[in-house]
Amino acid sequence: MEVALKFEHRNSKGCNYGPPYEWQVYNALGGSHGVPKVHYKGRQGDYYVMV
């Protein structure tokens, strides 16, 4: 299995008010053809992490 990791600092431009908006997009599109499956998303220390 191949996975991609994304780390985003919680103080970055898109995260000042909570988790990245990108998470909502993946939730809305999840299961659609051609959209990657998100295995994990959460906060680890000062970073938001998505696998």
N, C-alpha and C. Protein backbone atom coordinates (compact mmCIF):
# COMPACT_ATOMS: atom_id res chain seq x y z
N MET A 1 0.84 -1.17 0.00
CA MET A 1 0.00 0.00 0.00
C MET A 1 0.89 1.24 0.00
N GLU A 2 0.56 2.19 -0.83
CA GLU A 2 1.27 3.47 -0.84
C GLU A 2 0.38 4.52 -0.19
N VAL A 3 0.99 5.40 0.58
CA VAL A 3 0.24 6.48 1.21
C VAL A 3 0.99 7.79 1.01
N ALA A 4 0.27 8.87 1.15
CA ALA A 4 0.87 10.21 1.14
C ALA A 4 0.65 10.81 2.51
N LEU A 5 1.62 11.54 3.00
CA LEU A 5 1.51 12.21 4.29
C LEU A 5 1.48 13.71 4.07
N LYS A 6 0.63 14.38 4.82
CA LYS A 6 0.59 15.84 4.75
C LYS A 6 0.63 16.38 6.16
N PHE A 7 1.57 17.27 6.42
CA PHE A 7 1.70 17.95 7.71
C PHE A 7 1.48 19.44 7.46
N GLU A 8 0.66 20.05 8.29
CA GLU A 8 0.42 21.49 8.16
C GLU A 8 0.46 22.10 9.56
N HIS A 9 1.32 23.09 9.74
CA HIS A 9 1.45 23.72 11.05
C HIS A 9 0.14 24.40 11.41
N ARG A 10 -0.28 24.28 12.65
CA ARG A 10 -1.58 24.81 13.05
C ARG A 10 -1.66 26.33 12.95
N ASN A 11 -0.54 27.02 12.85
CA ASN A 11 -0.54 28.47 12.70
C ASN A 11 -0.41 28.91 11.25
N SER A 12 -0.46 27.97 10.32
CA SER A 12 -0.35 28.35 8.91
C SER A 12 -1.63 29.06 8.46
N LYS A 13 -1.56 29.69 7.33
CA LYS A 13 -2.65 30.54 6.83
C LYS A 13 -4.01 29.84 6.84
N GLY A 14 -4.09 28.59 6.43
CA GLY A 14 -5.37 27.90 6.34
C GLY A 14 -5.86 27.25 7.61
N CYS A 15 -5.10 27.35 8.70
CA CYS A 15 -5.45 26.62 9.92
C CYS A 15 -5.64 27.52 11.14
N ASN A 16 -5.73 28.80 10.96
CA ASN A 16 -5.81 29.70 12.11
C ASN A 16 -7.06 29.48 12.96
N TYR A 17 -8.12 28.93 12.37
CA TYR A 17 -9.38 28.80 13.10
C TYR A 17 -9.81 27.36 13.29
N GLY A 18 -8.91 26.43 13.17
CA GLY A 18 -9.24 25.02 13.34
C GLY A 18 -8.63 24.18 12.23
N PRO A 19 -9.09 22.94 12.11
CA PRO A 19 -8.53 22.03 11.10
C PRO A 19 -8.64 22.62 9.69
N PRO A 20 -7.75 22.20 8.81
CA PRO A 20 -7.76 22.73 7.45
C PRO A 20 -9.09 22.47 6.73
N TYR A 21 -9.52 23.42 5.92
CA TYR A 21 -10.75 23.28 5.12
C TYR A 21 -10.66 22.06 4.21
N GLU A 22 -9.46 21.71 3.82
CA GLU A 22 -9.22 20.55 2.96
C GLU A 22 -9.86 19.29 3.54
N TRP A 23 -9.88 19.17 4.86
CA TRP A 23 -10.49 18.00 5.49
C TRP A 23 -11.97 17.91 5.16
N GLN A 24 -12.67 19.03 5.17
CA GLN A 24 -14.09 19.05 4.84
C GLN A 24 -14.31 18.63 3.39
N VAL A 25 -13.41 19.05 2.52
CA VAL A 25 -13.52 18.68 1.11
C VAL A 25 -13.37 17.17 0.94
N TYR A 26 -12.38 16.59 1.59
CA TYR A 26 -12.19 15.14 1.50
C TYR A 26 -13.38 14.39 2.10
N ASN A 27 -13.95 14.89 3.18
CA ASN A 27 -15.14 14.26 3.76
C ASN A 27 -16.31 14.30 2.78
N ALA A 28 -16.50 15.42 2.12
CA ALA A 28 -17.61 15.57 1.18
C ALA A 28 -17.43 14.70 -0.06
N LEU A 29 -16.19 14.56 -0.53
CA LEU A 29 -15.92 13.82 -1.76
C LEU A 29 -15.53 12.37 -1.53
N GLY A 30 -15.36 11.98 -0.27
CA GLY A 30 -14.91 10.64 0.05
C GLY A 30 -15.76 9.57 -0.61
N GLY A 31 -15.10 8.56 -1.17
CA GLY A 31 -15.79 7.48 -1.84
C GLY A 31 -16.05 7.74 -3.32
N SER A 32 -15.80 8.95 -3.77
CA SER A 32 -15.98 9.27 -5.19
C SER A 32 -14.82 8.69 -6.00
N HIS A 33 -15.11 8.32 -7.23
CA HIS A 33 -14.08 7.76 -8.11
C HIS A 33 -12.97 8.78 -8.32
N GLY A 34 -11.74 8.35 -8.10
CA GLY A 34 -10.58 9.21 -8.33
C GLY A 34 -10.15 10.05 -7.15
N VAL A 35 -10.91 9.99 -6.05
CA VAL A 35 -10.56 10.77 -4.85
C VAL A 35 -9.85 9.83 -3.87
N PRO A 36 -8.65 10.19 -3.43
CA PRO A 36 -7.91 9.32 -2.51
C PRO A 36 -8.66 9.10 -1.20
N LYS A 37 -8.46 7.92 -0.63
CA LYS A 37 -9.06 7.60 0.67
C LYS A 37 -8.19 8.18 1.77
N VAL A 38 -8.81 8.84 2.74
CA VAL A 38 -8.08 9.38 3.89
C VAL A 38 -8.12 8.31 4.98
N HIS A 39 -6.94 7.87 5.41
CA HIS A 39 -6.84 6.82 6.42
C HIS A 39 -6.81 7.40 7.83
N TYR A 40 -6.28 8.59 7.97
CA TYR A 40 -6.18 9.23 9.28
C TYR A 40 -6.07 10.73 9.09
N LYS A 41 -6.74 11.47 9.95
CA LYS A 41 -6.53 12.91 10.03
C LYS A 41 -6.69 13.30 11.49
N GLY A 42 -5.80 14.14 11.96
CA GLY A 42 -5.84 14.55 13.35
C GLY A 42 -4.72 15.53 13.65
N ARG A 43 -4.67 15.92 14.90
CA ARG A 43 -3.66 16.88 15.32
C ARG A 43 -2.61 16.16 16.16
N GLN A 44 -1.37 16.41 15.84
CA GLN A 44 -0.24 15.85 16.57
C GLN A 44 0.66 17.01 16.97
N GLY A 45 0.63 17.39 18.22
CA GLY A 45 1.43 18.53 18.67
C GLY A 45 0.96 19.80 17.99
N ASP A 46 1.87 20.49 17.32
CA ASP A 46 1.56 21.75 16.64
C ASP A 46 1.17 21.55 15.17
N TYR A 47 0.93 20.31 14.75
CA TYR A 47 0.65 20.03 13.35
C TYR A 47 -0.67 19.31 13.16
N TYR A 48 -1.33 19.62 12.05
CA TYR A 48 -2.45 18.82 11.57
C TYR A 48 -1.86 17.82 10.59
N VAL A 49 -2.26 16.55 10.73
CA VAL A 49 -1.68 15.48 9.93
C VAL A 49 -2.80 14.77 9.17
N MET A 50 -2.53 14.47 7.90
CA MET A 50 -3.47 13.69 7.11
C MET A 50 -2.69 12.61 6.38
N VAL A 51 -3.20 11.37 6.44
CA VAL A 51 -2.59 10.22 5.76
C VAL A 51 -3.61 9.66 4.79
